[in-house]
Protein backbone atom coordinates (compact mmCIF):
# COMPACT_ATOMS: atom_id res chain seq x y z
CA UNK A 1 11.17 32.97 116.12
CA UNK A 2 9.33 35.19 113.67
CA UNK A 3 7.76 37.02 116.81
CA UNK A 4 11.02 38.07 118.10
CA UNK A 5 12.04 38.72 114.61
CA UNK A 6 9.16 41.04 114.85
CA UNK A 7 10.01 42.46 117.77
CA UNK A 8 13.63 43.18 116.65
CA UNK A 9 12.65 44.94 113.65
CA UNK A 10 10.22 47.24 116.20
CA UNK A 11 13.37 48.24 118.29
CA UNK A 12 15.64 48.96 115.19
CA UNK A 13 13.29 51.38 113.61
CA UNK A 14 12.64 52.82 116.79
CA UNK A 15 16.25 53.27 117.71
CA UNK A 16 16.07 55.53 114.73
CA UNK A 17 13.65 58.05 116.27
CA UNK A 18 15.20 57.81 119.70
CA UNK A 19 18.46 56.58 121.16
CA UNK A 20 16.73 55.97 124.58
CA UNK A 21 15.81 52.88 122.83
CA UNK A 22 19.11 51.71 122.86
CA UNK A 23 18.72 50.72 126.62
CA UNK A 24 16.18 48.33 125.71
CA UNK A 25 17.56 46.82 122.67
CA UNK A 26 20.71 45.81 125.05
CA UNK A 27 18.08 44.29 127.47
CA UNK A 28 16.76 42.17 124.83
CA UNK A 29 19.52 41.06 123.05
CA UNK A 30 20.88 39.88 126.76
CA UNK A 31 17.73 38.18 127.50
CA UNK A 32 17.94 36.45 124.11
CA UNK A 33 21.52 35.27 124.74
CA UNK A 34 20.90 33.81 127.95
CA UNK A 35 17.06 32.42 127.50
CA UNK A 36 16.90 31.54 123.67
CA UNK A 37 18.05 27.43 123.59
CA UNK A 38 20.23 28.45 120.21
CA UNK A 39 22.94 31.25 120.45
CA UNK A 40 22.54 31.35 116.90
CA UNK A 41 19.35 33.28 117.85
CA UNK A 42 21.15 36.37 119.05
CA UNK A 43 23.25 36.78 115.88
CA UNK A 44 20.25 36.47 113.82
CA UNK A 45 18.41 39.48 116.56
CA UNK A 46 21.30 41.72 116.14
CA UNK A 47 21.23 41.48 112.43
CA UNK A 48 17.42 42.28 112.38
CA UNK A 49 17.78 45.36 114.55
CA UNK A 50 20.88 46.36 112.87
CA UNK A 51 19.35 45.85 109.26
CA UNK A 52 15.59 47.60 110.23
CA UNK A 53 17.71 50.62 111.82
CA UNK A 54 19.69 50.81 108.61
CA UNK A 55 16.10 50.68 106.52
CA UNK A 56 14.86 53.36 108.26
CA UNK A 57 17.84 55.76 107.41
CA UNK A 58 17.38 54.96 103.91
CA UNK A 59 13.87 55.60 103.59
CA UNK A 60 14.41 58.51 105.34
CA UNK A 61 17.03 60.11 102.89
CA UNK A 62 15.17 58.28 100.13
CA UNK A 63 12.07 60.81 101.03
CA UNK A 64 14.21 64.13 101.24
CA UNK A 65 12.83 67.25 99.34
CA UNK A 66 14.16 68.11 95.82
CA UNK A 67 12.20 71.71 96.18
CA UNK A 68 13.90 74.34 97.41
CA UNK A 69 10.94 76.24 98.94
CA UNK A 70 10.82 79.59 96.56
CA UNK A 71 9.08 77.62 93.57
CA UNK A 72 6.08 79.36 92.54
CA UNK A 73 5.43 77.49 89.11
CA UNK A 74 4.77 73.38 89.43
CA UNK A 75 3.69 70.56 86.81
CA UNK A 76 2.19 68.36 88.84
CA UNK A 77 0.61 64.87 88.28
CA UNK A 78 -2.61 64.43 90.27
CA UNK A 79 -2.58 60.91 91.62
CA UNK A 80 -5.05 60.89 94.16
CA UNK A 81 -8.96 61.57 95.01
CA UNK A 82 -9.51 65.38 96.64
CA UNK A 83 -11.15 66.35 99.20
CA UNK A 84 -13.43 69.35 99.89
CA UNK A 85 -14.50 71.23 102.93
CA UNK A 86 -16.75 74.12 102.60
CA UNK A 87 -14.22 76.51 100.11
CA UNK A 88 -11.27 74.26 100.54
CA UNK A 89 -10.35 71.85 98.17
CA UNK A 90 -7.29 69.66 98.72
CA UNK A 91 -5.22 66.86 96.86
CA UNK A 92 -2.08 64.79 96.64
CA UNK A 93 0.04 65.40 94.12
CA UNK A 94 3.08 64.65 92.48
CA UNK A 95 5.99 66.91 90.54
CA UNK A 96 7.52 65.15 87.43
CA UNK A 97 10.46 63.93 89.58
CA UNK A 98 7.86 61.88 91.79
CA UNK A 99 7.79 64.05 95.17
CA UNK A 100 4.46 63.91 96.47
CA UNK A 101 3.15 67.28 98.37
CA UNK A 102 -0.39 68.40 99.27
CA UNK A 103 -1.76 71.13 97.11
CA UNK A 104 -4.15 73.28 98.58
CA UNK A 105 -6.72 75.74 96.77
CA UNK A 106 -9.29 78.21 98.15
CA UNK A 107 -12.16 78.21 95.93
CA UNK A 108 -13.75 81.64 94.98
CA UNK A 109 -17.65 80.87 94.25
CA UNK A 110 -20.47 77.95 93.91
CA UNK A 111 -19.52 78.07 90.19
CA UNK A 112 -16.02 77.47 90.37
CA UNK A 113 -16.96 74.90 92.99
CA UNK A 114 -18.95 73.06 90.62
CA UNK A 115 -16.73 73.62 87.74
CA UNK A 116 -13.48 71.71 89.69
CA UNK A 117 -15.97 69.20 90.78
CA UNK A 118 -16.77 68.23 87.05
CA UNK A 119 -13.17 68.66 85.34
CA UNK A 120 -11.08 66.70 87.93
CA UNK A 121 -9.56 64.02 86.58
CA UNK A 122 -7.00 61.47 87.99
CA UNK A 123 -3.94 60.98 86.12
CA UNK A 124 -3.45 64.33 84.51
CA UNK A 125 -0.53 66.74 84.37
CA UNK A 126 -1.49 70.44 85.54
CA UNK A 127 0.67 73.91 85.80
CA UNK A 128 -0.18 75.03 88.96
CA UNK A 129 0.67 78.63 90.35
CA UNK A 130 1.22 78.96 93.69
CA UNK A 131 3.33 79.23 96.69
CA UNK A 132 5.12 76.38 98.86
CA UNK A 133 4.39 76.28 102.40
CA UNK A 134 5.75 74.16 105.39
CA UNK A 135 2.58 71.87 106.99
CA UNK A 136 1.52 73.36 110.35
CA UNK A 137 2.94 71.82 113.36
CA UNK A 138 1.16 71.41 116.46
CA UNK A 139 1.26 73.90 119.23
CA UNK A 140 0.27 71.75 122.01
CA UNK A 141 2.37 68.91 123.05
CA UNK A 142 0.05 66.70 122.74
CA UNK A 143 -2.00 68.03 119.95
CA UNK A 144 -1.67 66.49 116.31
CA UNK A 145 1.23 67.16 114.49
CA UNK A 146 0.08 67.65 110.89
CA UNK A 147 3.72 68.14 109.91
CA UNK A 148 4.59 64.98 111.17
CA UNK A 149 1.61 63.32 110.48
CA UNK A 150 2.44 64.18 106.41
CA UNK A 151 6.48 63.58 107.03
CA UNK A 152 5.95 59.90 107.68
CA UNK A 153 3.77 59.68 104.20
CA UNK A 154 6.81 61.49 102.48
CA UNK A 155 5.05 64.52 102.42
CA UNK A 156 6.94 67.67 102.97
CA UNK A 157 5.28 70.55 101.56
CA UNK A 158 1.78 71.92 101.21
CA UNK A 159 1.52 73.80 97.69
CA UNK A 160 -1.15 76.92 98.23
CA UNK A 161 -2.51 77.52 94.58
CA UNK A 162 -3.34 80.99 93.87
CA UNK A 163 -5.63 80.24 90.80
CA UNK A 164 -7.72 77.37 89.84
CA UNK A 165 -5.18 74.01 89.50
CA UNK A 166 -7.41 72.59 86.80
CA UNK A 167 -7.22 75.57 84.07
CA UNK A 168 -4.12 74.37 82.31
CA UNK A 169 -3.87 70.87 82.01
CA UNK A 170 -3.03 67.89 80.00
CA UNK A 171 -4.22 64.31 79.95
CA UNK A 172 -1.78 61.68 80.08
CA UNK A 173 -1.81 58.06 79.71
CA UNK A 174 -2.93 56.91 83.57
CA UNK A 175 -1.25 53.66 85.09
CA UNK A 176 -2.98 50.82 86.34
CA UNK A 177 -2.98 52.31 90.09
CA UNK A 178 -4.64 55.73 88.77
CA UNK A 179 -7.03 53.62 86.58
CA UNK A 180 -8.40 51.52 89.86
CA UNK A 181 -8.39 55.17 91.88
CA UNK A 182 -10.30 56.62 89.14
CA UNK A 183 -12.67 53.42 89.88
CA UNK A 184 -12.88 54.63 93.35
CA UNK A 185 -13.79 58.17 92.56
CA UNK A 186 -16.62 57.22 90.41
CA UNK A 187 -17.95 55.09 92.92
CA UNK A 188 -17.55 57.92 95.55
CA UNK A 189 -19.18 60.16 93.06
CA UNK A 190 -22.16 57.93 92.74
CA UNK A 191 -22.98 57.57 96.50
CA UNK A 192 -22.67 61.73 96.60
CA UNK A 193 -25.28 61.58 94.05
CA UNK A 194 -27.76 59.04 94.68
CA UNK A 195 -27.67 57.91 98.23
CA UNK A 196 -29.02 60.28 100.94
CA UNK A 197 -27.53 62.28 103.83
CA UNK A 198 -27.73 59.98 106.69
CA UNK A 199 -26.51 56.92 104.61
CA UNK A 200 -23.70 58.33 102.29
CA UNK A 201 -21.06 59.11 104.59
CA UNK A 202 -21.32 55.57 106.13
CA UNK A 203 -21.73 53.90 102.33
CA UNK A 204 -18.34 55.62 101.48
CA UNK A 205 -16.80 54.66 104.48
CA UNK A 206 -17.76 50.67 104.50
CA UNK A 207 -17.54 50.37 100.59
CA UNK A 208 -14.75 52.77 99.80
CA UNK A 209 -13.07 53.78 103.73
CA UNK A 210 -13.43 57.54 103.19
CA UNK A 211 -14.63 58.06 106.82
CA UNK A 212 -14.37 61.63 106.05
CA UNK A 213 -17.89 62.33 104.87
CA UNK A 214 -19.30 61.18 108.26
CA UNK A 215 -20.79 64.61 109.97
CA UNK A 216 -19.11 65.64 112.50
CA UNK A 217 -21.41 65.06 115.43
CA UNK A 218 -21.88 61.46 114.75
CA UNK A 219 -18.26 60.89 113.98
CA UNK A 220 -17.48 62.03 117.13
CA UNK A 221 -20.10 60.23 118.97
CA UNK A 222 -18.75 56.95 117.44
CA UNK A 223 -15.20 58.13 118.73
CA UNK A 224 -16.32 58.57 122.08
CA UNK A 225 -18.21 55.50 122.47
CA UNK A 226 -14.89 53.77 121.10
CA UNK A 227 -17.05 52.38 117.76
CA UNK A 228 -14.89 54.15 114.96
CA UNK A 229 -12.98 51.13 114.26
CA UNK A 230 -16.33 50.12 112.55
CA UNK A 231 -16.22 52.80 110.08
CA UNK A 232 -13.10 51.54 109.01
CA UNK A 233 -12.72 48.46 106.54
CA UNK A 234 -10.74 45.80 108.85
CA UNK A 235 -9.47 42.40 107.98
CA UNK A 236 -13.37 41.16 108.89
CA UNK A 237 -14.37 42.99 105.82
CA UNK A 238 -11.63 41.71 103.95
CA UNK A 239 -12.24 38.19 104.83
CA UNK A 240 -16.24 38.50 104.44
CA UNK A 241 -15.60 39.69 100.78
CA UNK A 242 -12.45 36.91 99.88
CA UNK A 243 -14.85 33.72 101.57
CA UNK A 244 -17.98 35.02 100.00
CA UNK A 245 -16.01 35.39 96.05
CA UNK A 246 -14.44 32.17 96.97
CA UNK A 247 -17.52 30.69 97.28
CA UNK A 248 -19.46 32.26 93.86
CA UNK A 249 -16.13 31.32 91.98
CA UNK A 250 -16.59 27.76 92.99
CA UNK A 251 -20.27 27.64 92.46
CA UNK A 252 -19.65 29.24 89.17
CA UNK A 253 -17.31 25.92 88.10
CA UNK A 254 -13.89 27.19 88.87
CA UNK A 255 -11.36 24.92 90.38
CA UNK A 256 -9.88 26.00 93.70
CA UNK A 257 -6.92 26.26 92.37
CA UNK A 258 -7.95 29.04 89.84
CA UNK A 259 -10.10 30.27 92.42
CA UNK A 260 -7.02 31.09 94.46
CA UNK A 261 -4.88 32.71 91.37
CA UNK A 262 -7.47 35.05 90.83
CA UNK A 263 -8.15 36.13 94.53
CA UNK A 264 -4.76 36.75 94.74
CA UNK A 265 -4.73 38.67 91.49
CA UNK A 266 -8.09 40.86 92.31
CA UNK A 267 -7.17 41.60 96.32
CA UNK A 268 -4.36 44.24 95.55
CA UNK A 269 -6.95 45.66 93.39
CA UNK A 270 -10.18 45.72 96.08
CA UNK A 271 -6.69 47.10 98.65
CA UNK A 272 -6.72 50.27 96.28
CA UNK A 273 -10.41 50.63 95.87
CA UNK A 274 -11.15 50.46 100.03
CA UNK A 275 -8.25 53.20 100.34
CA UNK A 276 -5.38 50.97 101.09
CA UNK A 277 -5.39 51.78 104.94
CA UNK A 278 -3.41 49.90 107.19
CA UNK A 279 -5.68 47.60 108.24
CA UNK A 280 -6.88 46.87 104.71
CA UNK A 281 -3.05 46.51 103.48
CA UNK A 282 -2.62 44.03 106.37
CA UNK A 283 -5.64 42.03 105.64
CA UNK A 284 -5.25 41.64 101.75
CA UNK A 285 -1.26 41.15 102.20
CA UNK A 286 -2.09 38.27 104.41
CA UNK A 287 -4.97 36.59 102.47
CA UNK A 288 -2.95 36.10 99.50
CA UNK A 289 -0.03 34.81 101.40
CA UNK A 290 -2.06 32.29 102.99
CA UNK A 291 -3.57 31.63 99.13
CA UNK A 292 -0.13 31.75 97.75
CA UNK A 293 1.12 29.06 100.48
CA UNK A 294 -1.76 27.22 100.17
CA UNK A 295 -1.29 26.52 96.43
CA UNK A 296 2.38 25.75 97.20
CA UNK A 297 0.84 22.94 99.83
CA UNK A 298 3.21 25.41 102.38
CA UNK A 299 2.00 24.40 105.97
CA UNK A 300 2.59 27.49 108.49
CA UNK A 301 1.13 28.80 111.62
CA UNK A 302 -1.20 32.28 111.41
CA UNK A 303 1.31 33.95 113.64
CA UNK A 304 4.15 32.94 111.07
CA UNK A 305 2.13 34.57 108.25
CA UNK A 306 0.96 37.39 110.41
CA UNK A 307 4.79 38.06 111.39
CA UNK A 308 6.04 37.67 107.78
CA UNK A 309 3.48 40.28 106.29
CA UNK A 310 4.33 42.63 109.56
CA UNK A 311 8.30 42.48 108.68
CA UNK A 312 7.54 43.05 104.71
CA UNK A 313 5.00 45.95 105.52
CA UNK A 314 8.07 47.76 107.46
CA UNK A 315 10.27 46.76 104.88
CA UNK A 316 8.32 48.44 102.31
CA UNK A 317 7.58 51.53 104.26
CA UNK A 318 9.08 51.31 108.01
CA UNK A 319 7.27 54.63 108.69
CA UNK A 320 4.35 52.79 109.12
CA UNK A 321 5.35 51.82 112.97
CA UNK A 322 4.14 55.48 113.62
CA UNK A 323 0.37 55.12 112.48
CA UNK A 324 -2.09 54.35 115.18
CA UNK A 325 -4.46 52.29 112.58
CA UNK A 326 -1.05 49.97 112.03
CA UNK A 327 -0.37 49.27 115.23
CA UNK A 328 -3.97 48.78 116.58
CA UNK A 329 -4.30 46.45 113.20
CA UNK A 330 -1.40 44.04 113.88
CA UNK A 331 -1.65 44.01 117.85
CA UNK A 332 -5.60 43.00 118.01
CA UNK A 333 -4.95 40.29 115.06
CA UNK A 334 -1.91 39.02 116.75
CA UNK A 335 -4.03 39.32 120.36
CA UNK A 336 -6.71 37.28 118.54
CA UNK A 337 -4.54 34.94 116.84
CA UNK A 338 -3.21 34.16 120.28
CA UNK A 339 -6.43 33.38 121.99
CA UNK A 340 -7.34 30.83 119.42
CA UNK A 341 -7.56 28.15 122.26
CA UNK A 342 -9.80 30.43 124.34
CA UNK A 343 -12.20 31.13 121.13
CA UNK A 344 -12.20 27.30 120.38
CA UNK A 345 -13.58 26.62 123.82
CA UNK A 346 -16.30 28.78 123.15
CA UNK A 347 -17.80 27.14 119.75
CA UNK A 348 -20.94 25.23 121.57
CA UNK A 349 -21.74 28.11 123.09
CA UNK A 350 -24.40 30.97 121.45
CA UNK A 351 -22.64 33.26 118.69
CA UNK A 352 -23.53 36.36 121.41
CA UNK A 353 -21.56 34.99 123.43
CA UNK A 354 -18.93 34.05 121.18
CA UNK A 355 -19.23 37.53 119.88
CA UNK A 356 -18.76 39.03 123.86
CA UNK A 357 -15.70 37.30 124.03
CA UNK A 358 -14.30 38.30 120.99
CA UNK A 359 -14.81 42.14 121.57
CA UNK A 360 -13.68 41.52 125.54
CA UNK A 361 -10.38 40.51 123.67
CA UNK A 362 -10.12 43.43 121.43
CA UNK A 363 -10.83 45.67 123.96
CA UNK A 364 -8.32 44.63 126.33
CA UNK A 365 -5.97 44.38 123.36
CA UNK A 366 -6.30 47.95 122.25
CA UNK A 367 -6.80 49.70 125.63
CA UNK A 368 -2.83 50.64 126.09
CA UNK A 369 -2.95 51.76 122.55
CA UNK A 370 -6.07 53.94 122.88
CA UNK A 371 -5.01 55.14 126.08
CA UNK A 372 -1.62 56.54 124.64
CA UNK A 373 -2.87 58.38 121.73
CA UNK A 374 -6.16 59.30 122.97
CA UNK A 375 -6.04 59.64 126.77
CA UNK A 376 -9.59 58.37 127.20
CA UNK A 377 -11.58 55.14 127.78
CA UNK A 378 -15.07 54.60 127.20
CA UNK A 379 -17.40 53.30 129.71
CA UNK A 380 -19.88 52.27 127.30
CA UNK A 381 -17.62 51.37 124.45
CA UNK A 382 -17.42 47.54 125.12
CA UNK A 383 -21.23 46.45 125.18
CA UNK A 384 -21.84 48.81 122.31
CA UNK A 385 -19.27 46.82 120.56
CA UNK A 386 -21.02 43.70 120.99
CA UNK A 387 -23.91 45.10 119.56
CA UNK A 388 -22.70 47.20 116.75
CA UNK A 389 -20.51 45.00 115.39
CA UNK A 390 -23.02 42.06 114.51
CA UNK A 391 -25.43 44.50 113.50
CA UNK A 392 -22.82 46.79 110.93
CA UNK A 393 -21.23 43.12 109.78
CA UNK A 394 -24.35 41.13 109.53
CA UNK A 395 -27.01 43.40 108.44
CA UNK A 396 -25.89 47.24 107.26
CA UNK A 397 -22.82 46.34 105.44
CA UNK A 398 -24.32 43.32 103.30
CA UNK A 399 -27.49 46.03 102.73
CA UNK A 400 -25.29 48.84 101.68
CA UNK A 401 -23.33 46.86 99.32
CA UNK A 402 -26.85 45.61 97.47
CA UNK A 403 -28.35 49.07 97.73
CA UNK A 404 -25.15 50.33 95.97
CA UNK A 405 -25.38 47.78 93.03
CA UNK A 406 -28.80 48.41 93.04
CA UNK A 407 -28.59 52.06 92.29
CA UNK A 408 -25.80 51.68 89.77
CA UNK A 409 -27.50 49.21 87.67
CA UNK A 410 -30.87 51.61 88.22
CA UNK A 411 -33.25 49.07 89.07
CA UNK A 412 -37.03 49.72 89.71
CA UNK A 413 -36.76 49.32 93.46
CA UNK A 414 -33.39 50.81 94.01
CA UNK A 415 -34.66 54.43 95.31
CA UNK A 416 -36.76 52.29 97.84
CA UNK A 417 -33.62 50.41 98.84
CA UNK A 418 -31.89 53.96 99.60
CA UNK A 419 -34.58 55.00 101.66
CA UNK A 420 -34.78 52.21 103.77
CA UNK A 421 -30.93 52.12 104.24
CA UNK A 422 -30.88 55.42 105.32
CA UNK A 423 -33.64 55.19 107.77
CA UNK A 424 -31.67 52.32 109.36
CA UNK A 425 -28.49 54.59 109.58
CA UNK A 426 -30.27 57.24 110.92
CA UNK A 427 -31.95 55.20 114.06
CA UNK A 428 -28.81 53.82 114.46
CA UNK A 429 -26.69 56.88 114.60
CA UNK A 430 -28.97 59.09 116.74
CA UNK A 431 -28.65 56.63 119.11
CA UNK A 432 -25.55 56.23 119.14
CA UNK A 433 -25.48 60.18 119.42
CA UNK A 434 -27.80 59.90 122.48
CA UNK A 435 -25.63 57.77 124.50
CA UNK A 436 -22.58 59.55 123.87
CA UNK A 437 -24.08 62.38 125.59
CA UNK A 438 -24.93 60.67 128.69
CA UNK A 439 -22.81 61.61 131.63
CA UNK A 440 -20.05 59.51 132.63
CA UNK A 441 -19.70 58.15 128.90
CA UNK A 442 -15.90 57.88 129.36
CA UNK A 443 -12.96 58.35 131.13
CA UNK A 444 -10.44 60.72 130.57
CA UNK A 445 -6.56 60.26 131.48
CA UNK A 446 -3.48 62.12 131.07
CA UNK A 447 -1.19 60.51 128.33
CA UNK A 448 0.26 57.35 130.19
CA UNK A 449 4.10 57.00 129.83
CA UNK A 450 5.59 54.31 127.52
CA UNK A 451 6.89 52.71 131.37
CA UNK A 452 2.93 52.70 132.14
CA UNK A 453 1.83 50.75 128.78
């Protein structure tokens, strides 16, 4: 039943985007009516489809802009970590009415660039002069639509500042989310200042979910080889961290119940520290729900928990459904849970064999979504995933965490650890770039139809 409700929610939200989905909804309802043992299920399905269709409409109207478009001066509260690309400086900011927009500014000199880096503080309110612009759209049919991407996040405007956006600012009290984001910001600044070039981008990605720092050539190589998911904090990272903390807290003398409560409180903080990407949110909420049900001594299946989290997140933001990371995270997790019996039969085999089959299942599950959005399939991706996933999970991720802690505490041998970590990343990345440059690395397809998928 939870799975059918999840499908009904998808159909309801999809109907908001396209009336063509109505035909699928009719077929789905007819199928449920004739094949479900309980006729009440048909009623539940219709209610869920209608409910999420209405939720999509409500969210759409709540996200409508309150700005006219001719505003030249705005009071903005900085609520996120800025990104800098050459002389371009960008950050998401909120108006006093709570509307989020993208603030852009072109830095005029190296001195101003350094001043902006040093002066920026999250949670301050600044008076900014500039011009409102609509985000650009895709010129080619299948190209990335930046305007659509921002609108799904509730952002309708880009404000181009004409002078330093940090000139006239006033400090205000930070809320708890801004305090956590400030810790994340300081952690990223530490990586930028202390970590060598080859390791800094990957440390930012693995520890704080910030993959924009990775060099374009290396990132494209990982993308070509279907390895880019390794650079995103996933359910595996959250699971390892949760299990590690659970073990440490128990060893420290805490009861199992107290440990579960502490983890439930800490996971939302970690979710923000890790960038709150769809895969991180899904994994954190799943672990929190699992711990909560365990505390209440309620037994339920992993599929039910996954579907419950899926419905909860779509209720919170139905436009998550259009994010590729959200789709991949849930579909791959669902496929792995459905393959538990197959994987259980492999417990007696070597861990390499188990890793091989887990990778095979993930690759097959992600293939339809990858083809639909990226139109290509890596021929080397499968074999390299078998190599790179254990390499990152067992060696590079723990080594990065340890090195970050050592460098933060200024241990005497922290520099040696940084040098070794940098050498490891350089070696691994050079290998990926070499493989990506080989002929016939990937197969390119046109965009397949939804019917084909």
